[in-house]
Amino acid sequence: MNKSKALRVGILGMLALLVSACGGMTPSSQSPVLTEVSADPYRIGVGDMVSIHVWRNPELSQSIVVRPDGFISMPLMGDVMADGKQPETLAEEIRGALAELIRSPEVTVMVTNPVSKEFRNRVRITGQVMSPQSIAFRPGMTVLDIVLQAGGVTDFAAEDRAVLHRETGEGYSSFGVDVEAILDDGDMTFNYPLQPGDVISVPRKELFRGEL
């Protein structure tokens, strides 16, 4: 075997090992768990406007925005953590604290401007798409919907290797999504229903994979 041929064989061998190693790190080919998206109880978030009404105590009633640190300030009580709590839970905590100061307080908490919901309930698409997007989730949205919303993929997209990242009960999981099959062949196998918080990433073509 001459040196030139030996060099070619060596290069091909290294490429094969590299592809094999990368193949072990690919996202799961299994489909994501397709559970029905149900409406969870609303939890107060940063930026939300909350209205606190204390019956027969108008001086304690107020409308206030949840601060970036997650707290609100209440008369007689000082700072109260509101972020992450359901309105009923926050009302109960305020009621318990005020019970030490006034007789039989009745407290109602309402979220009048749920700003934080828009950021929590979003789906996103990044990478090799014409216009990366972060849009409000709507029931019934699918992979195809957000790809079209992003203007489709670029000429450099390895759309058959797109990945759907989803938060599950065991943490984040990644699932392979063949966007090419959806767009070019009309194959809806990978047109998964989306859930709030989903992120789709479309990688760039790579030379060593023979995609360029």
N, C-alpha and C. Protein backbone atom coordinates (compact mmCIF):
# COMPACT_ATOMS: atom_id res chain seq x y z
N MET A 1 0.86 -1.19 0.00
CA MET A 1 0.00 0.00 0.00
C MET A 1 0.90 1.24 0.00
N ASN A 2 0.66 2.14 -0.99
CA ASN A 2 1.49 3.33 -1.03
C ASN A 2 1.06 4.32 0.03
N LYS A 3 1.91 5.34 0.22
CA LYS A 3 1.65 6.30 1.30
C LYS A 3 0.34 7.06 1.09
N SER A 4 0.04 7.44 -0.18
CA SER A 4 -1.16 8.22 -0.47
C SER A 4 -2.41 7.43 -0.12
N LYS A 5 -2.41 6.15 -0.50
CA LYS A 5 -3.59 5.33 -0.21
C LYS A 5 -3.72 5.08 1.29
N ALA A 6 -2.58 4.87 1.94
CA ALA A 6 -2.62 4.66 3.39
C ALA A 6 -3.16 5.88 4.11
N LEU A 7 -2.79 7.07 3.62
CA LEU A 7 -3.28 8.29 4.23
C LEU A 7 -4.78 8.42 4.08
N ARG A 8 -5.29 8.07 2.88
CA ARG A 8 -6.75 8.15 2.65
C ARG A 8 -7.49 7.19 3.57
N VAL A 9 -6.94 5.99 3.71
CA VAL A 9 -7.59 5.00 4.57
C VAL A 9 -7.60 5.48 6.02
N GLY A 10 -6.49 6.08 6.44
CA GLY A 10 -6.41 6.60 7.81
C GLY A 10 -7.42 7.69 8.06
N ILE A 11 -7.58 8.61 7.10
CA ILE A 11 -8.54 9.71 7.24
C ILE A 11 -9.95 9.18 7.31
N LEU A 12 -10.27 8.21 6.41
CA LEU A 12 -11.62 7.64 6.42
C LEU A 12 -11.90 6.92 7.73
N GLY A 13 -10.86 6.26 8.27
CA GLY A 13 -11.04 5.58 9.55
C GLY A 13 -11.34 6.54 10.67
N MET A 14 -10.63 7.67 10.70
CA MET A 14 -10.87 8.67 11.75
C MET A 14 -12.26 9.28 11.62
N LEU A 15 -12.69 9.54 10.37
CA LEU A 15 -14.03 10.09 10.16
C LEU A 15 -15.09 9.12 10.64
N ALA A 16 -14.86 7.82 10.36
CA ALA A 16 -15.84 6.82 10.80
C ALA A 16 -15.96 6.78 12.30
N LEU A 17 -14.82 6.88 12.98
CA LEU A 17 -14.84 6.89 14.45
C LEU A 17 -15.54 8.12 14.97
N LEU A 18 -15.30 9.28 14.31
CA LEU A 18 -15.92 10.53 14.74
C LEU A 18 -17.42 10.48 14.58
N VAL A 19 -17.87 9.98 13.44
CA VAL A 19 -19.32 9.87 13.20
C VAL A 19 -19.94 8.92 14.19
N SER A 20 -19.23 7.81 14.48
CA SER A 20 -19.76 6.84 15.45
C SER A 20 -19.88 7.44 16.81
N ALA A 21 -18.86 8.23 17.23
CA ALA A 21 -18.89 8.87 18.54
C ALA A 21 -20.00 9.88 18.62
N CYS A 22 -20.16 10.67 17.56
CA CYS A 22 -21.24 11.68 17.56
C CYS A 22 -22.59 11.01 17.57
N GLY A 23 -22.68 9.84 16.90
CA GLY A 23 -23.97 9.15 16.85
C GLY A 23 -24.45 8.75 18.22
N GLY A 24 -23.52 8.52 19.16
CA GLY A 24 -23.91 8.16 20.50
C GLY A 24 -24.48 9.30 21.30
N MET A 25 -24.35 10.54 20.77
CA MET A 25 -24.83 11.71 21.50
C MET A 25 -26.07 12.30 20.86
N THR A 26 -26.66 11.60 19.89
CA THR A 26 -27.82 12.14 19.21
C THR A 26 -29.04 12.08 20.12
N PRO A 27 -30.02 12.97 19.88
CA PRO A 27 -31.23 12.96 20.70
C PRO A 27 -32.00 11.66 20.52
N SER A 28 -32.87 11.38 21.44
CA SER A 28 -33.69 10.17 21.38
C SER A 28 -34.54 10.18 20.12
N SER A 29 -34.62 9.00 19.47
CA SER A 29 -35.47 8.88 18.29
C SER A 29 -36.91 8.58 18.67
N GLN A 30 -37.14 8.35 19.95
CA GLN A 30 -38.50 8.10 20.41
C GLN A 30 -39.30 9.39 20.37
N SER A 31 -40.60 9.25 20.21
CA SER A 31 -41.45 10.43 20.18
C SER A 31 -41.65 10.95 21.59
N PRO A 32 -41.83 12.26 21.74
CA PRO A 32 -42.07 12.82 23.07
C PRO A 32 -43.38 12.32 23.64
N VAL A 33 -43.46 12.32 24.94
CA VAL A 33 -44.70 11.89 25.60
C VAL A 33 -45.79 12.89 25.26
N LEU A 34 -46.81 12.43 24.57
CA LEU A 34 -47.86 13.32 24.10
C LEU A 34 -49.02 13.30 25.09
N THR A 35 -48.88 14.08 26.12
CA THR A 35 -49.93 14.19 27.12
C THR A 35 -50.80 15.39 26.81
N GLU A 36 -52.05 15.29 27.15
CA GLU A 36 -52.98 16.39 26.92
C GLU A 36 -52.60 17.57 27.81
N VAL A 37 -52.52 18.74 27.19
CA VAL A 37 -52.17 19.93 27.94
C VAL A 37 -53.39 20.45 28.67
N SER A 38 -53.32 20.41 29.99
CA SER A 38 -54.44 20.89 30.80
C SER A 38 -54.05 22.20 31.45
N ALA A 39 -55.04 22.97 31.80
CA ALA A 39 -54.79 24.27 32.42
C ALA A 39 -54.41 24.08 33.89
N ASP A 40 -53.16 24.43 34.22
CA ASP A 40 -52.73 24.36 35.60
C ASP A 40 -53.24 25.57 36.37
N PRO A 41 -53.42 25.44 37.69
CA PRO A 41 -53.81 26.60 38.49
C PRO A 41 -52.81 27.73 38.30
N TYR A 42 -53.31 28.94 38.17
CA TYR A 42 -52.41 30.06 37.90
C TYR A 42 -51.55 30.36 39.11
N ARG A 43 -50.28 30.61 38.84
CA ARG A 43 -49.34 31.00 39.89
C ARG A 43 -48.83 32.40 39.60
N ILE A 44 -48.81 33.22 40.61
CA ILE A 44 -48.38 34.61 40.48
C ILE A 44 -46.91 34.65 40.08
N GLY A 45 -46.56 35.60 39.21
CA GLY A 45 -45.18 35.73 38.76
C GLY A 45 -44.72 37.17 38.81
N VAL A 46 -43.43 37.36 38.61
CA VAL A 46 -42.84 38.70 38.60
C VAL A 46 -43.48 39.55 37.51
N GLY A 47 -43.84 40.78 37.87
CA GLY A 47 -44.46 41.69 36.92
C GLY A 47 -45.97 41.68 36.92
N ASP A 48 -46.57 40.67 37.56
CA ASP A 48 -48.03 40.60 37.63
C ASP A 48 -48.58 41.73 38.50
N MET A 49 -49.72 42.25 38.09
CA MET A 49 -50.45 43.20 38.94
C MET A 49 -51.47 42.41 39.75
N VAL A 50 -51.36 42.51 41.08
CA VAL A 50 -52.30 41.81 41.94
C VAL A 50 -53.12 42.81 42.75
N SER A 51 -54.38 42.50 42.90
CA SER A 51 -55.29 43.33 43.68
C SER A 51 -55.60 42.60 44.99
N ILE A 52 -55.27 43.25 46.10
CA ILE A 52 -55.48 42.65 47.43
C ILE A 52 -56.57 43.44 48.14
N HIS A 53 -57.64 42.75 48.46
CA HIS A 53 -58.78 43.39 49.13
C HIS A 53 -58.95 42.79 50.52
N VAL A 54 -58.89 43.64 51.53
CA VAL A 54 -59.13 43.23 52.91
C VAL A 54 -60.47 43.83 53.34
N TRP A 55 -61.45 42.97 53.54
CA TRP A 55 -62.83 43.43 53.80
C TRP A 55 -62.87 44.28 55.07
N ARG A 56 -63.54 45.42 54.92
CA ARG A 56 -63.74 46.39 55.99
C ARG A 56 -62.43 47.06 56.45
N ASN A 57 -61.39 46.88 55.67
CA ASN A 57 -60.12 47.53 55.98
C ASN A 57 -59.53 48.12 54.69
N PRO A 58 -60.15 49.18 54.17
CA PRO A 58 -59.70 49.74 52.89
C PRO A 58 -58.26 50.26 52.93
N GLU A 59 -57.80 50.63 54.11
CA GLU A 59 -56.43 51.13 54.21
C GLU A 59 -55.39 50.02 53.97
N LEU A 60 -55.83 48.76 54.07
CA LEU A 60 -54.93 47.64 53.82
C LEU A 60 -55.09 47.08 52.40
N SER A 61 -56.13 47.51 51.73
CA SER A 61 -56.38 47.02 50.38
C SER A 61 -55.55 47.82 49.38
N GLN A 62 -55.07 47.14 48.34
CA GLN A 62 -54.23 47.83 47.36
C GLN A 62 -54.07 46.99 46.10
N SER A 63 -53.65 47.65 45.02
CA SER A 63 -53.21 46.97 43.80
C SER A 63 -51.72 47.23 43.67
N ILE A 64 -50.97 46.19 43.44
CA ILE A 64 -49.51 46.31 43.47
C ILE A 64 -48.88 45.34 42.47
N VAL A 65 -47.74 45.74 41.91
CA VAL A 65 -47.00 44.91 40.96
C VAL A 65 -45.96 44.07 41.72
N VAL A 66 -45.88 42.81 41.38
CA VAL A 66 -44.88 41.94 42.00
C VAL A 66 -43.49 42.37 41.54
N ARG A 67 -42.63 42.66 42.50
CA ARG A 67 -41.30 43.18 42.21
C ARG A 67 -40.40 42.11 41.57
N PRO A 68 -39.28 42.52 40.94
CA PRO A 68 -38.36 41.55 40.34
C PRO A 68 -37.83 40.50 41.31
N ASP A 69 -37.80 40.83 42.61
CA ASP A 69 -37.34 39.84 43.59
C ASP A 69 -38.45 38.91 44.04
N GLY A 70 -39.67 39.09 43.47
CA GLY A 70 -40.79 38.21 43.79
C GLY A 70 -41.64 38.64 44.95
N PHE A 71 -41.29 39.76 45.62
CA PHE A 71 -42.02 40.21 46.79
C PHE A 71 -43.02 41.32 46.45
N ILE A 72 -43.99 41.48 47.32
CA ILE A 72 -44.85 42.66 47.34
C ILE A 72 -44.74 43.25 48.75
N SER A 73 -45.10 44.51 48.88
CA SER A 73 -45.05 45.16 50.19
C SER A 73 -46.46 45.41 50.69
N MET A 74 -46.74 44.93 51.90
CA MET A 74 -48.06 45.07 52.50
C MET A 74 -48.01 45.95 53.74
N PRO A 75 -49.01 46.84 53.93
CA PRO A 75 -49.09 47.62 55.17
C PRO A 75 -49.18 46.67 56.36
N LEU A 76 -48.50 47.02 57.42
CA LEU A 76 -48.44 46.27 58.68
C LEU A 76 -47.62 44.99 58.59
N MET A 77 -47.33 44.52 57.38
CA MET A 77 -46.65 43.24 57.22
C MET A 77 -45.26 43.37 56.62
N GLY A 78 -45.03 44.41 55.85
CA GLY A 78 -43.75 44.52 55.15
C GLY A 78 -43.74 43.68 53.89
N ASP A 79 -42.58 43.11 53.56
CA ASP A 79 -42.43 42.34 52.34
C ASP A 79 -43.03 40.94 52.48
N VAL A 80 -43.77 40.55 51.44
CA VAL A 80 -44.40 39.23 51.40
C VAL A 80 -44.05 38.58 50.06
N MET A 81 -43.53 37.35 50.09
CA MET A 81 -43.22 36.64 48.86
C MET A 81 -44.51 36.25 48.14
N ALA A 82 -44.61 36.66 46.87
CA ALA A 82 -45.79 36.35 46.08
C ALA A 82 -45.48 35.45 44.89
N ASP A 83 -44.25 35.52 44.39
CA ASP A 83 -43.88 34.78 43.20
C ASP A 83 -44.02 33.28 43.40
N GLY A 84 -44.69 32.62 42.44
CA GLY A 84 -44.84 31.17 42.48
C GLY A 84 -46.03 30.67 43.27
N LYS A 85 -46.79 31.57 43.89
CA LYS A 85 -47.93 31.15 44.71
C LYS A 85 -49.24 31.35 43.97
N GLN A 86 -50.19 30.48 44.24
CA GLN A 86 -51.53 30.67 43.73
C GLN A 86 -52.19 31.82 44.50
N PRO A 87 -53.09 32.57 43.86
CA PRO A 87 -53.73 33.69 44.55
C PRO A 87 -54.39 33.28 45.86
N GLU A 88 -55.02 32.10 45.88
CA GLU A 88 -55.69 31.64 47.10
C GLU A 88 -54.67 31.39 48.23
N THR A 89 -53.50 30.87 47.85
CA THR A 89 -52.47 30.59 48.85
C THR A 89 -51.93 31.89 49.44
N LEU A 90 -51.68 32.87 48.56
CA LEU A 90 -51.19 34.17 49.04
C LEU A 90 -52.23 34.83 49.94
N ALA A 91 -53.50 34.75 49.56
CA ALA A 91 -54.57 35.34 50.38
C ALA A 91 -54.60 34.69 51.77
N GLU A 92 -54.41 33.38 51.83
CA GLU A 92 -54.43 32.68 53.11
C GLU A 92 -53.25 33.10 53.98
N GLU A 93 -52.08 33.28 53.36
CA GLU A 93 -50.91 33.70 54.13
C GLU A 93 -51.09 35.12 54.68
N ILE A 94 -51.64 35.99 53.85
CA ILE A 94 -51.89 37.37 54.31
C ILE A 94 -52.94 37.37 55.42
N ARG A 95 -53.96 36.54 55.25
CA ARG A 95 -55.01 36.46 56.26
C ARG A 95 -54.43 35.99 57.59
N GLY A 96 -53.56 34.99 57.56
CA GLY A 96 -52.97 34.48 58.79
C GLY A 96 -52.11 35.51 59.49
N ALA A 97 -51.34 36.30 58.70
CA ALA A 97 -50.49 37.31 59.30
C ALA A 97 -51.31 38.45 59.89
N LEU A 98 -52.36 38.87 59.17
CA LEU A 98 -53.18 39.98 59.65
C LEU A 98 -54.03 39.58 60.86
N ALA A 99 -54.29 38.28 61.03
CA ALA A 99 -55.12 37.82 62.14
C ALA A 99 -54.49 38.15 63.48
N GLU A 100 -53.16 38.36 63.47
CA GLU A 100 -52.48 38.73 64.70
C GLU A 100 -52.61 40.21 65.01
N LEU A 101 -53.15 40.97 64.03
CA LEU A 101 -53.21 42.43 64.18
C LEU A 101 -54.64 42.96 64.15
N ILE A 102 -55.49 42.32 63.37
CA ILE A 102 -56.89 42.77 63.30
C ILE A 102 -57.80 41.55 63.47
N ARG A 103 -59.06 41.84 63.77
CA ARG A 103 -59.99 40.76 64.11
C ARG A 103 -60.62 40.16 62.84
N SER A 104 -60.52 38.86 62.72
CA SER A 104 -61.17 38.07 61.66
C SER A 104 -61.02 38.72 60.28
N PRO A 105 -59.81 38.89 59.79
CA PRO A 105 -59.65 39.51 58.45
C PRO A 105 -60.13 38.58 57.34
N GLU A 106 -60.78 39.16 56.35
CA GLU A 106 -61.19 38.43 55.15
C GLU A 106 -60.40 39.02 53.98
N VAL A 107 -59.59 38.19 53.35
CA VAL A 107 -58.67 38.67 52.32
C VAL A 107 -58.95 37.99 50.98
N THR A 108 -58.99 38.79 49.95
CA THR A 108 -59.14 38.27 48.58
C THR A 108 -57.98 38.78 47.74
N VAL A 109 -57.37 37.88 46.97
CA VAL A 109 -56.28 38.26 46.06
C VAL A 109 -56.69 37.89 44.64
N MET A 110 -56.61 38.86 43.74
CA MET A 110 -56.92 38.63 42.34
C MET A 110 -55.76 39.13 41.48
N VAL A 111 -55.43 38.38 40.43
CA VAL A 111 -54.42 38.82 39.47
C VAL A 111 -55.15 39.59 38.38
N THR A 112 -54.92 40.89 38.32
CA THR A 112 -55.64 41.73 37.36
C THR A 112 -54.88 41.93 36.06
N ASN A 113 -53.58 41.68 36.06
CA ASN A 113 -52.79 41.79 34.83
C ASN A 113 -51.69 40.73 34.87
N PRO A 114 -51.96 39.54 34.31
CA PRO A 114 -51.02 38.41 34.41
C PRO A 114 -49.87 38.51 33.40
N VAL A 115 -48.99 39.47 33.61
CA VAL A 115 -47.88 39.69 32.69
C VAL A 115 -46.97 38.48 32.58
N SER A 116 -46.67 37.84 33.70
CA SER A 116 -45.69 36.75 33.70
C SER A 116 -46.15 35.53 32.91
N LYS A 117 -47.46 35.37 32.76
CA LYS A 117 -47.98 34.20 32.05
C LYS A 117 -47.48 34.15 30.62
N GLU A 118 -47.35 35.31 29.99
CA GLU A 118 -46.93 35.36 28.60
C GLU A 118 -45.53 34.78 28.41
N PHE A 119 -44.67 34.94 29.41
CA PHE A 119 -43.30 34.44 29.28
C PHE A 119 -43.20 32.98 29.66
N ARG A 120 -44.01 32.54 30.60
CA ARG A 120 -43.97 31.13 31.00
C ARG A 120 -44.58 30.23 29.93
N ASN A 121 -45.68 30.66 29.33
CA ASN A 121 -46.41 29.83 28.38
C ASN A 121 -46.04 30.21 26.95
N ARG A 122 -44.77 29.97 26.61
CA ARG A 122 -44.29 30.27 25.27
C ARG A 122 -43.63 29.04 24.66
N VAL A 123 -43.56 29.03 23.33
CA VAL A 123 -42.78 28.02 22.62
C VAL A 123 -41.77 28.78 21.76
N ARG A 124 -40.61 28.14 21.52
CA ARG A 124 -39.52 28.84 20.86
C ARG A 124 -38.87 27.96 19.80
N ILE A 125 -38.35 28.60 18.75
CA ILE A 125 -37.58 27.90 17.72
C ILE A 125 -36.33 28.71 17.42
N THR A 126 -35.19 28.02 17.41
CA THR A 126 -33.90 28.68 17.24
C THR A 126 -33.07 27.96 16.18
N GLY A 127 -31.92 28.54 15.87
CA GLY A 127 -31.01 27.90 14.93
C GLY A 127 -31.22 28.35 13.50
N GLN A 128 -31.12 27.39 12.57
CA GLN A 128 -31.14 27.71 11.15
C GLN A 128 -32.57 27.83 10.61
N VAL A 129 -33.27 28.85 11.10
CA VAL A 129 -34.58 29.22 10.56
C VAL A 129 -34.49 30.68 10.12
N MET A 130 -35.40 31.07 9.26
CA MET A 130 -35.34 32.41 8.70
C MET A 130 -35.51 33.49 9.77
N SER A 131 -36.37 33.22 10.75
CA SER A 131 -36.63 34.20 11.80
C SER A 131 -36.89 33.48 13.12
N PRO A 132 -35.86 33.29 13.95
CA PRO A 132 -36.08 32.64 15.24
C PRO A 132 -37.23 33.30 16.00
N GLN A 133 -38.03 32.48 16.66
CA GLN A 133 -39.25 32.98 17.27
C GLN A 133 -39.38 32.56 18.73
N SER A 134 -40.05 33.40 19.49
CA SER A 134 -40.53 33.07 20.82
C SER A 134 -41.95 33.58 20.87
N ILE A 135 -42.93 32.68 20.80
CA ILE A 135 -44.32 33.09 20.66
C ILE A 135 -45.18 32.46 21.74
N ALA A 136 -46.28 33.12 22.02
CA ALA A 136 -47.21 32.63 23.04
C ALA A 136 -47.81 31.30 22.60
N PHE A 137 -47.84 30.35 23.51
CA PHE A 137 -48.42 29.04 23.22
C PHE A 137 -49.92 29.16 23.03
N ARG A 138 -50.41 28.43 22.04
CA ARG A 138 -51.86 28.30 21.83
C ARG A 138 -52.19 26.83 21.70
N PRO A 139 -53.25 26.36 22.36
CA PRO A 139 -53.61 24.95 22.27
C PRO A 139 -53.77 24.52 20.80
N GLY A 140 -53.23 23.36 20.49
CA GLY A 140 -53.31 22.84 19.13
C GLY A 140 -52.09 23.12 18.28
N MET A 141 -51.13 23.91 18.78
CA MET A 141 -49.93 24.22 18.02
C MET A 141 -49.10 22.97 17.80
N THR A 142 -48.48 22.89 16.62
CA THR A 142 -47.62 21.76 16.29
C THR A 142 -46.25 22.25 15.84
N VAL A 143 -45.35 21.29 15.60
CA VAL A 143 -44.01 21.63 15.10
C VAL A 143 -44.12 22.42 13.80
N LEU A 144 -44.97 21.98 12.88
CA LEU A 144 -45.12 22.67 11.60
C LEU A 144 -45.57 24.11 11.79
N ASP A 145 -46.46 24.35 12.72
CA ASP A 145 -46.96 25.71 12.96
C ASP A 145 -45.82 26.66 13.30
N ILE A 146 -44.94 26.26 14.21
CA ILE A 146 -43.89 27.18 14.64
C ILE A 146 -42.80 27.30 13.58
N VAL A 147 -42.57 26.22 12.80
CA VAL A 147 -41.60 26.32 11.70
C VAL A 147 -42.09 27.32 10.66
N LEU A 148 -43.36 27.26 10.33
CA LEU A 148 -43.92 28.22 9.37
C LEU A 148 -43.91 29.63 9.95
N GLN A 149 -44.17 29.75 11.26
CA GLN A 149 -44.14 31.05 11.91
C GLN A 149 -42.73 31.65 11.81
N ALA A 150 -41.72 30.80 11.81
CA ALA A 150 -40.33 31.26 11.71
C ALA A 150 -39.90 31.51 10.27
N GLY A 151 -40.79 31.35 9.32
CA GLY A 151 -40.47 31.60 7.92
C GLY A 151 -39.78 30.45 7.22
N GLY A 152 -39.81 29.26 7.83
CA GLY A 152 -39.15 28.10 7.24
C GLY A 152 -37.67 28.05 7.62
N VAL A 153 -36.96 27.12 7.02
CA VAL A 153 -35.54 26.92 7.35
C VAL A 153 -34.66 27.61 6.33
N THR A 154 -33.39 27.83 6.70
CA THR A 154 -32.42 28.45 5.80
C THR A 154 -31.80 27.39 4.89
N ASP A 155 -31.00 27.84 3.91
CA ASP A 155 -30.32 26.92 3.00
C ASP A 155 -29.25 26.09 3.72
N PHE A 156 -28.84 26.54 4.90
CA PHE A 156 -27.79 25.85 5.64
C PHE A 156 -28.34 24.94 6.73
N ALA A 157 -29.65 24.77 6.77
CA ALA A 157 -30.27 24.00 7.84
C ALA A 157 -30.15 22.50 7.61
N ALA A 158 -29.75 21.78 8.63
CA ALA A 158 -29.82 20.31 8.62
C ALA A 158 -31.17 19.95 9.24
N GLU A 159 -32.22 20.19 8.46
CA GLU A 159 -33.57 20.11 9.03
C GLU A 159 -33.99 18.70 9.41
N ASP A 160 -33.28 17.69 8.90
CA ASP A 160 -33.61 16.32 9.30
C ASP A 160 -33.02 15.98 10.66
N ARG A 161 -32.22 16.89 11.23
CA ARG A 161 -31.63 16.67 12.56
C ARG A 161 -32.12 17.68 13.58
N ALA A 162 -33.27 18.27 13.35
CA ALA A 162 -33.83 19.20 14.32
C ALA A 162 -34.15 18.47 15.62
N VAL A 163 -34.20 19.22 16.71
CA VAL A 163 -34.41 18.62 18.03
C VAL A 163 -35.49 19.38 18.78
N LEU A 164 -36.38 18.64 19.40
CA LEU A 164 -37.40 19.21 20.28
C LEU A 164 -36.96 18.99 21.72
N HIS A 165 -36.79 20.09 22.46
CA HIS A 165 -36.42 20.02 23.87
C HIS A 165 -37.68 20.26 24.70
N ARG A 166 -37.95 19.35 25.62
CA ARG A 166 -39.19 19.44 26.40
C ARG A 166 -38.91 19.13 27.87
N GLU A 167 -39.49 19.91 28.74
CA GLU A 167 -39.37 19.64 30.17
C GLU A 167 -40.40 18.59 30.57
N THR A 168 -39.91 17.53 31.17
CA THR A 168 -40.79 16.46 31.62
C THR A 168 -40.68 16.35 33.13
N GLY A 169 -41.36 15.37 33.69
CA GLY A 169 -41.30 15.19 35.13
C GLY A 169 -39.92 14.79 35.62
N GLU A 170 -39.07 14.33 34.70
CA GLU A 170 -37.73 13.89 35.06
C GLU A 170 -36.66 14.88 34.57
N GLY A 171 -37.07 16.08 34.24
CA GLY A 171 -36.13 17.08 33.72
C GLY A 171 -36.31 17.26 32.23
N TYR A 172 -35.34 17.91 31.58
CA TYR A 172 -35.43 18.16 30.15
C TYR A 172 -35.06 16.91 29.36
N SER A 173 -35.83 16.64 28.33
CA SER A 173 -35.55 15.56 27.40
C SER A 173 -35.49 16.13 25.99
N SER A 174 -34.71 15.45 25.11
CA SER A 174 -34.57 15.91 23.73
C SER A 174 -35.03 14.81 22.79
N PHE A 175 -35.76 15.20 21.75
CA PHE A 175 -36.33 14.24 20.80
C PHE A 175 -36.00 14.70 19.38
N GLY A 176 -35.57 13.76 18.55
CA GLY A 176 -35.29 14.08 17.16
C GLY A 176 -36.56 14.44 16.40
N VAL A 177 -36.46 15.46 15.54
CA VAL A 177 -37.59 15.91 14.73
C VAL A 177 -37.11 16.08 13.29
N ASP A 178 -37.66 15.31 12.36
CA ASP A 178 -37.28 15.41 10.95
C ASP A 178 -38.16 16.46 10.28
N VAL A 179 -37.72 17.71 10.38
CA VAL A 179 -38.48 18.81 9.77
C VAL A 179 -38.48 18.68 8.25
N GLU A 180 -37.40 18.13 7.70
CA GLU A 180 -37.31 17.94 6.24
C GLU A 180 -38.45 17.06 5.75
N ALA A 181 -38.72 15.98 6.47
CA ALA A 181 -39.79 15.07 6.08
C ALA A 181 -41.15 15.77 6.12
N ILE A 182 -41.31 16.64 7.10
CA ILE A 182 -42.58 17.38 7.21
C ILE A 182 -42.75 18.34 6.04
N LEU A 183 -41.70 19.12 5.77
CA LEU A 183 -41.80 20.17 4.75
C LEU A 183 -41.77 19.63 3.33
N ASP A 184 -40.88 18.66 3.07
CA ASP A 184 -40.67 18.19 1.69
C ASP A 184 -41.59 17.04 1.31
N ASP A 185 -41.88 16.16 2.26
CA ASP A 185 -42.65 14.96 1.93
C ASP A 185 -44.07 14.96 2.49
N GLY A 186 -44.39 15.96 3.30
CA GLY A 186 -45.71 15.97 3.92
C GLY A 186 -45.90 14.86 4.93
N ASP A 187 -44.78 14.33 5.44
CA ASP A 187 -44.82 13.26 6.44
C ASP A 187 -45.07 13.89 7.81
N MET A 188 -46.24 13.64 8.37
CA MET A 188 -46.62 14.26 9.64
C MET A 188 -46.22 13.43 10.86
N THR A 189 -45.38 12.40 10.65
CA THR A 189 -44.96 11.56 11.75
C THR A 189 -44.30 12.37 12.85
N PHE A 190 -43.50 13.38 12.44
CA PHE A 190 -42.76 14.19 13.40
C PHE A 190 -43.46 15.52 13.73
N ASN A 191 -44.67 15.67 13.26
CA ASN A 191 -45.39 16.93 13.52
C ASN A 191 -46.06 16.87 14.89
N TYR A 192 -45.22 16.85 15.92
CA TYR A 192 -45.71 16.65 17.28
C TYR A 192 -46.51 17.85 17.77
N PRO A 193 -47.56 17.61 18.57
CA PRO A 193 -48.22 18.72 19.27
C PRO A 193 -47.24 19.35 20.24
N LEU A 194 -47.27 20.66 20.35
CA LEU A 194 -46.36 21.37 21.23
C LEU A 194 -46.99 21.60 22.60
N GLN A 195 -46.13 21.83 23.58
CA GLN A 195 -46.55 22.15 24.93
C GLN A 195 -45.85 23.42 25.38
N PRO A 196 -46.43 24.16 26.32
CA PRO A 196 -45.76 25.37 26.81
C PRO A 196 -44.34 25.06 27.28
N GLY A 197 -43.39 25.90 26.88
CA GLY A 197 -42.01 25.71 27.27
C GLY A 197 -41.17 24.94 26.27
N ASP A 198 -41.79 24.35 25.24
CA ASP A 198 -41.03 23.59 24.24
C ASP A 198 -40.06 24.50 23.48
N VAL A 199 -38.90 23.95 23.16
CA VAL A 199 -37.90 24.66 22.34
C VAL A 199 -37.47 23.73 21.22
N ILE A 200 -37.54 24.22 19.98
CA ILE A 200 -37.06 23.46 18.82
C ILE A 200 -35.80 24.13 18.31
N SER A 201 -34.74 23.34 18.13
CA SER A 201 -33.49 23.87 17.59
C SER A 201 -33.19 23.17 16.27
N VAL A 202 -32.83 23.96 15.26
CA VAL A 202 -32.51 23.43 13.94
C VAL A 202 -31.01 23.66 13.70
N PRO A 203 -30.21 22.59 13.68
CA PRO A 203 -28.77 22.77 13.56
C PRO A 203 -28.33 23.15 12.15
N ARG A 204 -27.05 23.52 12.02
CA ARG A 204 -26.45 23.86 10.75
C ARG A 204 -25.85 22.60 10.11
N LYS A 205 -25.86 22.56 8.78
CA LYS A 205 -25.24 21.45 8.07
C LYS A 205 -23.76 21.38 8.41
N GLU A 206 -23.23 20.13 8.40
CA GLU A 206 -21.83 19.92 8.75
C GLU A 206 -21.11 19.16 7.64
N LEU A 207 -19.89 19.58 7.38
CA LEU A 207 -19.12 19.01 6.27
C LEU A 207 -18.82 17.54 6.50
N PHE A 208 -18.41 17.17 7.74
CA PHE A 208 -18.00 15.79 7.98
C PHE A 208 -19.16 14.81 7.86
N ARG A 209 -20.39 15.31 7.91
CA ARG A 209 -21.57 14.45 7.71
C ARG A 209 -21.95 14.36 6.24
N GLY A 210 -21.22 15.08 5.38
CA GLY A 210 -21.55 15.08 3.97
C GLY A 210 -22.78 15.88 3.63
N GLU A 211 -23.11 16.86 4.48
CA GLU A 211 -24.32 17.64 4.27
C GLU A 211 -24.06 18.90 3.44
N LEU A 212 -22.80 19.25 3.21
CA LEU A 212 -22.46 20.43 2.42
C LEU A 212 -21.90 20.05 1.07
